[in-house]
Amino acid sequence: MEKLAIEGGTPVRETKLFYGHQYIDDADIAAVTEVLRSDYLTCGPKITKLEERLCRITGAKYAVVCSNGTAALHIACQAAGIGAGDEVITTPITFAASANCALYCGARPVFADINDRTYNIDPKSVREHMTEKTKAVVAVDFTGQAVEVDELLEICHEKGAVLIEDGAHSIGTRFRGRCVGSIADMTTFSFHPVKTVTGGEGGAVLTNNEEYYQRLLLFRSHGITRDEALMERESEGPWYYEQVDLGMNYRMTDIQAALILSQLDKLEMFSKRRKEIVKRYNEAFSEIPEITVQEEIPDSDTTRHLYILRIKPEKLAVDRKGFFAAMAAENICCNVHYIPVYRHPYYEHLGYKKGLCPKAEKLYAEIMSLPLYYAMSDQDVEDVIHAVKKIVENYRIS
């Protein structure tokens, strides 16, 4: 048995391997440089080109790009008409923005529990939490695996609610042959550096609904329009514009848009490599009885953003915190996605209590995110597997 690095043994690798990392090539650099030398740094032609490209890739009719994924969620909620007194159902296993977007609009987040095999929000739990106050469901494609979109749409539309698919993890994923972005009432994307495609920051909302589209455009840009059809007064000249609603400055720069456009040229390549790594991880970890592998629903052809390792504490003489520390000592840097949103102090101060979603809380206590990104070499992947097996062997309860 190999001695663990945390106990003085030799780490499985000499250099640190991080859980996520962007991939930038010469084409990306050239695309950004081109914009820097152009007449437009923001509100220019790259914005339109990116929105058109996202529509072509996903099959959605409309796309509105914005400053980041959180902004995308916020304007989606505004476009859905969410306001004071409304409720928005979401999952606790997500970044806080998926719930905060309801608070930004004066609504109350309601947390439905997860499916403890797929880790996505459970449609049955969503249905149980529906009330006459439910205005929307924000369903997160956790790790990149699509939520059960058709069932969630049916539940929402029965109750007159809007389905917002938080696709921050899932660009490139298909559900029943359809691209994420073209199915839900609205879908949001994020282009943060650890995501499959990056613009440094950046976000987008996609929809097939023209009314939502027009609202999204307004809320992205201060609630200001130059469209005479939307103005309340007669135009005073070509310079004239009106603020017709209270929006935000959530505009994306052409610098970001150019980088995202270049990255989208590599989406198929990024997706293929991520699938290869996930396949190798699944093969290796499915053989270890002390570990649970996230279940993939056959409906989702997933471009995975995160790979979740779930330990079985009852079979190991170590908890998640100890396993995490042991991985770090082996020079494998993991992360945890996510602390249940309602367990953050801010939400506790709002009155949310531990125990709301038992399956989500149990999952949180047992998981960590392993390295997963395009530029990982085969040896990097094998180093991760080696480290996991080494730790399990040392802590296995015989």
Protein backbone atom coordinates (compact mmCIF):
# COMPACT_ATOMS: atom_id res chain seq x y z
CA MET A 1 0.00 0.00 0.00
CA GLU A 2 1.36 3.43 -0.95
CA LYS A 3 1.89 5.86 1.90
CA LEU A 4 -0.30 8.93 1.61
CA ALA A 5 1.42 12.25 0.93
CA ILE A 6 -0.54 13.80 3.80
CA GLU A 7 1.23 11.31 6.07
CA GLY A 8 4.70 11.89 4.63
CA GLY A 9 4.55 9.78 1.47
CA THR A 10 5.38 10.86 -2.07
CA PRO A 11 2.59 12.73 -3.92
CA VAL A 12 1.26 11.15 -7.11
CA ARG A 13 2.54 14.18 -9.06
CA GLU A 14 5.09 16.95 -8.51
CA THR A 15 3.03 19.91 -9.74
CA LYS A 16 -0.45 21.03 -8.74
CA LEU A 17 -3.38 20.13 -10.97
CA PHE A 18 -6.28 22.54 -10.58
CA TYR A 19 -9.94 21.60 -10.83
CA GLY A 20 -10.63 23.94 -13.76
CA HIS A 21 -8.71 26.09 -16.22
CA GLN A 22 -9.46 28.09 -19.35
CA TYR A 23 -7.90 27.23 -22.71
CA ILE A 24 -6.75 30.23 -24.76
CA ASP A 25 -5.02 29.84 -28.13
CA ASP A 26 -3.56 32.20 -30.73
CA ALA A 27 -6.90 32.51 -32.52
CA ASP A 28 -8.50 33.79 -29.30
CA ILE A 29 -5.72 36.34 -28.80
CA ALA A 30 -5.99 37.48 -32.42
CA ALA A 31 -9.77 37.91 -32.08
CA VAL A 32 -9.39 40.15 -29.04
CA THR A 33 -6.53 42.12 -30.63
CA GLU A 34 -8.68 42.77 -33.69
CA VAL A 35 -11.33 44.42 -31.52
CA LEU A 36 -8.77 46.47 -29.59
CA ARG A 37 -7.62 47.91 -32.92
CA SER A 38 -11.16 48.56 -34.16
CA ASP A 39 -13.55 51.47 -33.72
CA TYR A 40 -15.76 49.64 -31.20
CA LEU A 41 -14.86 48.31 -27.76
CA THR A 42 -18.49 47.98 -26.63
CA CYS A 43 -21.99 48.08 -28.16
CA GLY A 44 -20.40 47.20 -31.50
CA PRO A 45 -20.81 44.57 -34.25
CA LYS A 46 -19.34 41.66 -32.26
CA ILE A 47 -22.35 41.71 -29.95
CA THR A 48 -24.76 41.11 -32.83
CA LYS A 49 -22.48 38.43 -34.31
CA LEU A 50 -22.31 36.59 -30.98
CA GLU A 51 -26.06 36.69 -30.50
CA GLU A 52 -26.57 35.35 -34.03
CA ARG A 53 -24.00 32.60 -33.44
CA LEU A 54 -25.65 31.48 -30.20
CA CYS A 55 -28.97 31.22 -32.00
CA ARG A 56 -27.39 29.11 -34.77
CA ILE A 57 -25.67 26.81 -32.29
CA THR A 58 -28.69 26.24 -30.06
CA GLY A 59 -31.61 26.66 -32.42
CA ALA A 60 -33.15 29.40 -30.25
CA LYS A 61 -34.90 32.27 -32.05
CA TYR A 62 -33.42 35.04 -29.91
CA ALA A 63 -30.30 35.64 -27.84
CA VAL A 64 -29.36 38.58 -25.63
CA VAL A 65 -25.80 38.67 -24.35
CA CYS A 66 -24.87 40.46 -21.14
CA SER A 67 -22.08 41.07 -18.65
CA ASN A 68 -22.14 37.74 -16.75
CA GLY A 69 -24.24 34.73 -15.85
CA THR A 70 -25.74 36.39 -12.79
CA ALA A 71 -26.90 39.33 -14.90
CA ALA A 72 -28.45 36.83 -17.31
CA LEU A 73 -30.49 35.28 -14.51
CA HIS A 74 -31.53 38.69 -13.23
CA ILE A 75 -32.82 39.99 -16.56
CA ALA A 76 -34.53 36.66 -17.24
CA CYS A 77 -36.44 37.03 -13.98
CA GLN A 78 -37.30 40.64 -14.85
CA ALA A 79 -38.48 39.61 -18.31
CA ALA A 80 -40.68 36.94 -16.69
CA GLY A 81 -42.38 39.68 -14.66
CA ILE A 82 -41.22 38.39 -11.29
CA GLY A 83 -41.85 40.85 -8.47
CA ALA A 84 -42.72 41.36 -4.83
CA GLY A 85 -44.90 38.62 -3.36
CA ASP A 86 -43.93 36.05 -5.99
CA GLU A 87 -42.11 32.77 -5.36
CA VAL A 88 -39.36 31.25 -7.49
CA ILE A 89 -38.50 27.57 -7.06
CA THR A 90 -34.89 26.49 -7.50
CA THR A 91 -32.37 23.92 -6.33
CA PRO A 92 -30.11 24.37 -3.30
CA ILE A 93 -27.20 22.64 -5.07
CA THR A 94 -26.09 25.58 -7.15
CA PHE A 95 -24.18 28.84 -6.98
CA ALA A 96 -26.08 31.46 -4.97
CA ALA A 97 -26.98 33.47 -8.10
CA SER A 98 -29.66 30.92 -9.07
CA ALA A 99 -31.62 31.98 -5.98
CA ASN A 100 -30.37 35.54 -5.61
CA CYS A 101 -31.97 36.46 -8.94
CA ALA A 102 -35.38 36.05 -7.28
CA LEU A 103 -34.36 38.27 -4.37
CA TYR A 104 -33.15 40.97 -6.78
CA CYS A 105 -36.74 41.19 -8.04
CA GLY A 106 -38.31 41.22 -4.58
CA ALA A 107 -39.50 37.61 -4.81
CA ARG A 108 -38.93 34.71 -2.39
CA PRO A 109 -36.72 31.75 -3.37
CA VAL A 110 -38.22 28.34 -2.58
CA PHE A 111 -35.88 25.35 -2.52
CA ALA A 112 -36.96 21.99 -3.98
CA ASP A 113 -34.89 18.90 -3.24
CA ILE A 114 -32.70 17.03 -5.71
CA ASN A 115 -32.72 13.62 -7.31
CA ASP A 116 -29.99 11.91 -5.28
CA ARG A 117 -28.76 9.91 -8.29
CA THR A 118 -28.52 12.65 -10.95
CA TYR A 119 -28.08 15.56 -8.48
CA ASN A 120 -30.42 17.73 -10.56
CA ILE A 121 -33.61 19.28 -9.20
CA ASP A 122 -36.35 16.65 -8.77
CA PRO A 123 -39.50 17.46 -10.79
CA LYS A 124 -41.60 15.68 -8.15
CA SER A 125 -40.25 18.00 -5.47
CA VAL A 126 -40.86 21.00 -7.75
CA ARG A 127 -44.50 19.99 -8.12
CA GLU A 128 -44.84 19.59 -4.34
CA HIS A 129 -43.55 23.14 -3.79
CA MET A 130 -45.79 24.81 -6.37
CA THR A 131 -48.28 27.33 -4.94
CA GLU A 132 -50.49 30.09 -6.31
CA LYS A 133 -47.51 32.42 -5.69
CA THR A 134 -45.09 30.46 -7.90
CA LYS A 135 -44.07 32.69 -10.79
CA ALA A 136 -41.07 30.74 -12.11
CA VAL A 137 -38.79 27.76 -11.71
CA VAL A 138 -35.03 28.25 -12.11
CA ALA A 139 -33.80 24.74 -12.91
CA VAL A 140 -30.02 24.27 -12.95
CA ASP A 141 -28.28 21.87 -15.35
CA PHE A 142 -25.92 20.79 -12.58
CA THR A 143 -22.48 19.70 -13.88
CA GLY A 144 -23.81 20.18 -17.44
CA GLN A 145 -26.40 17.40 -17.40
CA ALA A 146 -29.74 18.72 -18.63
CA VAL A 147 -32.63 18.83 -16.20
CA GLU A 148 -35.76 16.95 -17.19
CA VAL A 149 -36.86 19.92 -19.29
CA ASP A 150 -40.06 18.55 -20.82
CA GLU A 151 -41.50 17.42 -17.48
CA LEU A 152 -40.56 20.72 -15.83
CA LEU A 153 -42.16 22.69 -18.69
CA GLU A 154 -45.35 20.69 -18.25
CA ILE A 155 -45.40 21.38 -14.51
CA CYS A 156 -44.71 25.09 -14.99
CA HIS A 157 -47.23 25.64 -17.74
CA GLU A 158 -49.95 23.81 -15.79
CA LYS A 159 -49.50 26.43 -13.08
CA GLY A 160 -48.89 29.43 -15.34
CA ALA A 161 -45.24 29.67 -14.30
CA VAL A 162 -42.14 30.34 -16.41
CA LEU A 163 -39.32 27.80 -16.75
CA ILE A 164 -35.89 29.44 -16.68
CA GLU A 165 -33.19 26.87 -17.38
CA ASP A 166 -29.94 27.89 -15.72
CA GLY A 167 -27.54 26.50 -18.31
CA ALA A 168 -24.40 28.04 -16.81
CA HIS A 169 -22.85 24.54 -16.86
CA SER A 170 -24.40 23.14 -20.00
CA ILE A 171 -23.50 24.93 -23.22
CA GLY A 172 -23.03 22.14 -25.79
CA THR A 173 -25.44 19.76 -24.02
CA ARG A 174 -28.43 18.28 -25.84
CA PHE A 175 -31.68 17.02 -24.33
CA ARG A 176 -33.57 14.47 -26.43
CA GLY A 177 -31.65 15.68 -29.46
CA ARG A 178 -32.39 19.37 -28.89
CA CYS A 179 -29.73 21.84 -27.81
CA VAL A 180 -29.93 23.40 -24.38
CA GLY A 181 -30.97 26.98 -25.06
CA SER A 182 -33.84 26.17 -27.39
CA ILE A 183 -36.22 24.27 -25.09
CA ALA A 184 -37.12 26.15 -21.89
CA ASP A 185 -39.04 29.44 -21.85
CA MET A 186 -35.69 31.11 -21.23
CA THR A 187 -32.19 29.66 -20.82
CA THR A 188 -29.18 31.42 -19.33
CA PHE A 189 -25.50 30.79 -20.05
CA SER A 190 -22.30 31.82 -18.29
CA PHE A 191 -18.89 32.39 -19.85
CA HIS A 192 -16.78 32.43 -16.68
CA PRO A 193 -13.20 31.10 -17.14
CA VAL A 194 -13.87 27.64 -15.66
CA LYS A 195 -16.85 27.07 -17.96
CA THR A 196 -16.56 25.13 -21.24
CA VAL A 197 -16.43 28.37 -23.26
CA THR A 198 -15.14 31.62 -21.76
CA GLY A 199 -15.11 35.34 -22.39
CA GLY A 200 -13.35 36.10 -19.10
CA GLU A 201 -16.85 36.94 -17.94
CA GLY A 202 -20.10 37.17 -19.86
CA GLY A 203 -23.57 35.72 -19.99
CA ALA A 204 -26.53 35.24 -22.31
CA VAL A 205 -30.27 34.62 -22.25
CA LEU A 206 -31.88 32.60 -25.04
CA THR A 207 -35.58 32.35 -25.78
CA ASN A 208 -38.11 31.60 -28.50
CA ASN A 209 -40.52 34.19 -27.11
CA GLU A 210 -40.40 37.62 -28.81
CA GLU A 211 -42.04 39.38 -25.86
CA TYR A 212 -39.37 38.09 -23.49
CA TYR A 213 -36.72 39.05 -26.03
CA GLN A 214 -37.84 42.68 -26.16
CA ARG A 215 -37.94 42.88 -22.36
CA LEU A 216 -34.48 41.34 -22.09
CA LEU A 217 -33.06 43.97 -24.44
CA LEU A 218 -34.58 46.74 -22.32
CA PHE A 219 -33.49 45.40 -18.94
CA ARG A 220 -29.94 44.79 -20.19
CA SER A 221 -29.48 48.46 -21.14
CA HIS A 222 -30.97 50.74 -18.47
CA GLY A 223 -34.54 50.27 -19.72
CA ILE A 224 -33.62 52.63 -22.56
CA THR A 225 -34.80 52.23 -26.15
CA ARG A 226 -34.26 53.92 -29.51
CA ASP A 227 -37.09 51.91 -31.05
CA GLU A 228 -39.86 54.40 -31.91
CA ALA A 229 -42.46 51.66 -31.58
CA LEU A 230 -41.65 51.39 -27.87
CA MET A 231 -41.47 55.13 -27.16
CA GLU A 232 -44.21 57.06 -25.39
CA ARG A 233 -43.52 60.35 -27.22
CA GLU A 234 -42.77 61.36 -30.76
CA SER A 235 -39.06 61.17 -31.61
CA GLU A 236 -37.29 64.54 -31.55
CA GLY A 237 -34.55 63.44 -33.95
CA PRO A 238 -31.97 60.72 -34.72
CA TRP A 239 -30.26 61.30 -31.35
CA TYR A 240 -33.46 60.70 -29.38
CA TYR A 241 -33.98 57.83 -26.92
CA GLU A 242 -36.29 57.17 -23.99
CA GLN A 243 -36.06 55.30 -20.73
CA VAL A 244 -39.31 53.35 -20.61
CA ASP A 245 -38.50 50.98 -17.73
CA LEU A 246 -35.98 50.59 -14.92
CA GLY A 247 -33.18 48.43 -16.26
CA MET A 248 -29.53 47.78 -15.49
CA ASN A 249 -26.22 48.35 -17.24
CA TYR A 250 -25.54 44.69 -18.00
CA ARG A 251 -24.00 45.18 -21.43
CA MET A 252 -21.18 42.97 -22.71
CA THR A 253 -18.09 44.47 -24.34
CA ASP A 254 -17.04 43.65 -27.89
CA ILE A 255 -13.75 42.44 -26.37
CA GLN A 256 -15.61 39.71 -24.48
CA ALA A 257 -17.85 38.93 -27.44
CA ALA A 258 -14.87 38.46 -29.75
CA LEU A 259 -13.24 36.03 -27.34
CA ILE A 260 -16.47 34.05 -26.90
CA LEU A 261 -16.97 33.89 -30.69
CA SER A 262 -13.47 32.47 -31.08
CA GLN A 263 -14.04 30.01 -28.24
CA LEU A 264 -17.30 28.84 -29.82
CA ASP A 265 -15.28 27.76 -32.86
CA LYS A 266 -13.78 25.16 -30.50
CA LEU A 267 -16.97 24.09 -28.71
CA GLU A 268 -17.16 20.71 -30.45
CA MET A 269 -13.48 20.08 -29.66
CA PHE A 270 -13.96 21.13 -26.02
CA SER A 271 -17.04 18.95 -25.68
CA LYS A 272 -15.35 15.88 -27.17
CA ARG A 273 -12.37 16.07 -24.82
CA ARG A 274 -14.54 16.61 -21.73
CA LYS A 275 -16.60 13.57 -22.67
CA GLU A 276 -13.41 11.49 -23.04
CA ILE A 277 -12.23 12.47 -19.57
CA VAL A 278 -15.64 11.79 -18.01
CA LYS A 279 -15.75 8.36 -19.67
CA ARG A 280 -12.33 7.45 -18.28
CA TYR A 281 -13.26 8.68 -14.79
CA ASN A 282 -16.52 6.72 -14.86
CA GLU A 283 -14.74 3.54 -15.94
CA ALA A 284 -12.22 3.86 -13.12
CA PHE A 285 -14.52 4.96 -10.32
CA SER A 286 -17.41 2.61 -11.10
CA GLU A 287 -15.13 -0.22 -9.96
CA ILE A 288 -14.61 1.33 -6.50
CA PRO A 289 -17.43 0.40 -4.06
CA GLU A 290 -16.54 3.27 -1.72
CA ILE A 291 -17.47 5.84 -4.39
CA THR A 292 -20.72 6.74 -6.13
CA VAL A 293 -20.65 7.92 -9.75
CA GLN A 294 -23.22 10.54 -10.80
CA GLU A 295 -25.99 8.91 -12.82
CA GLU A 296 -26.47 10.16 -16.37
CA ILE A 297 -30.03 10.27 -17.68
CA PRO A 298 -30.18 8.81 -21.22
CA ASP A 299 -32.09 11.90 -22.41
CA SER A 300 -29.05 14.14 -21.85
CA ASP A 301 -26.10 14.13 -24.23
CA THR A 302 -23.96 16.00 -21.75
CA THR A 303 -21.02 18.32 -22.19
CA ARG A 304 -19.84 18.12 -18.60
CA HIS A 305 -18.63 21.24 -16.79
CA LEU A 306 -17.90 19.51 -13.47
CA TYR A 307 -17.04 15.97 -12.44
CA ILE A 308 -18.40 15.09 -9.02
CA LEU A 309 -16.71 12.49 -6.82
CA ARG A 310 -19.12 11.26 -4.13
CA ILE A 311 -17.69 9.22 -1.32
CA LYS A 312 -19.56 6.73 0.86
CA PRO A 313 -18.50 7.79 4.39
CA GLU A 314 -19.82 4.59 5.94
CA LYS A 315 -17.23 2.63 3.95
CA LEU A 316 -14.24 4.91 4.64
CA ALA A 317 -12.34 5.89 7.77
CA VAL A 318 -12.31 9.50 6.56
CA ASP A 319 -14.92 12.16 5.89
CA ARG A 320 -15.13 14.47 2.91
CA LYS A 321 -12.96 17.13 4.57
CA GLY A 322 -10.22 14.57 5.22
CA PHE A 323 -10.49 13.14 1.69
CA PHE A 324 -10.27 16.66 0.25
CA ALA A 325 -7.14 17.41 2.28
CA ALA A 326 -5.56 14.10 1.23
CA MET A 327 -6.20 14.93 -2.45
CA ALA A 328 -4.56 18.34 -2.01
CA ALA A 329 -1.50 16.70 -0.48
CA GLU A 330 -1.25 14.51 -3.60
CA ASN A 331 -1.20 17.80 -5.61
CA ILE A 332 -4.73 17.29 -6.94
CA CYS A 333 -6.67 20.48 -6.24
CA CYS A 334 -10.40 19.84 -5.91
CA ASN A 335 -13.36 22.06 -5.12
CA VAL A 336 -16.86 21.58 -3.70
CA HIS A 337 -19.99 22.43 -5.72
CA TYR A 338 -22.03 23.49 -3.82
CA ILE A 339 -22.83 24.53 -0.28
CA PRO A 340 -26.66 24.39 -0.22
CA VAL A 341 -27.69 28.00 -0.88
CA TYR A 342 -30.02 28.29 2.11
CA ARG A 343 -27.20 27.27 4.48
CA HIS A 344 -25.34 30.54 3.80
CA PRO A 345 -25.62 33.06 6.68
CA TYR A 346 -27.47 35.60 4.53
CA TYR A 347 -30.24 33.09 3.85
CA GLU A 348 -30.31 31.95 7.46
CA HIS A 349 -30.88 35.57 8.46
CA LEU A 350 -33.86 35.55 6.06
CA GLY A 351 -35.33 32.63 8.04
CA TYR A 352 -34.26 29.59 6.01
CA LYS A 353 -33.44 26.58 8.21
CA LYS A 354 -31.26 23.51 7.95
CA GLY A 355 -33.19 20.40 6.93
CA LEU A 356 -35.23 21.94 4.09
CA CYS A 357 -33.76 19.56 1.48
CA PRO A 358 -32.34 16.42 3.15
CA LYS A 359 -31.04 14.82 -0.06
CA ALA A 360 -29.19 17.98 -1.04
CA GLU A 361 -27.64 18.32 2.42
CA LYS A 362 -26.46 14.71 2.41
CA LEU A 363 -24.98 15.17 -1.06
CA TYR A 364 -23.08 18.28 0.02
CA ALA A 365 -21.43 16.38 2.90
CA GLU A 366 -20.08 13.70 0.55
CA ILE A 367 -18.91 15.41 -2.65
CA MET A 368 -15.98 17.18 -4.21
CA SER A 369 -15.26 18.29 -7.77
CA LEU A 370 -12.32 16.66 -9.52
CA PRO A 371 -10.21 18.35 -12.22
CA LEU A 372 -12.02 18.51 -15.55
CA TYR A 373 -11.03 20.78 -18.43
CA TYR A 374 -10.05 20.56 -22.08
CA ALA A 375 -6.27 20.92 -21.70
CA MET A 376 -5.87 18.03 -19.26
CA SER A 377 -3.48 15.41 -20.62
CA ASP A 378 -4.14 11.68 -20.38
CA GLN A 379 -1.44 11.58 -17.70
CA ASP A 380 -3.23 14.29 -15.72
CA VAL A 381 -6.37 12.18 -15.80
CA GLU A 382 -4.50 9.08 -14.66
CA ASP A 383 -2.89 11.06 -11.84
CA VAL A 384 -6.34 12.00 -10.53
CA ILE A 385 -7.49 8.38 -10.69
CA HIS A 386 -4.28 7.23 -9.01
CA ALA A 387 -4.75 9.73 -6.16
CA VAL A 388 -8.37 8.70 -5.55
CA LYS A 389 -7.51 4.99 -5.53
CA LYS A 390 -4.53 5.59 -3.25
CA ILE A 391 -6.64 7.45 -0.70
CA VAL A 392 -9.46 4.89 -0.81
CA GLU A 393 -7.01 2.04 -0.26
CA ASN A 394 -5.55 3.75 2.79
CA TYR A 395 -8.89 4.62 4.36
CA ARG A 396 -10.96 1.62 3.30
CA ILE A 397 -12.90 0.00 6.15
CA SER A 398 -12.19 -3.70 5.72
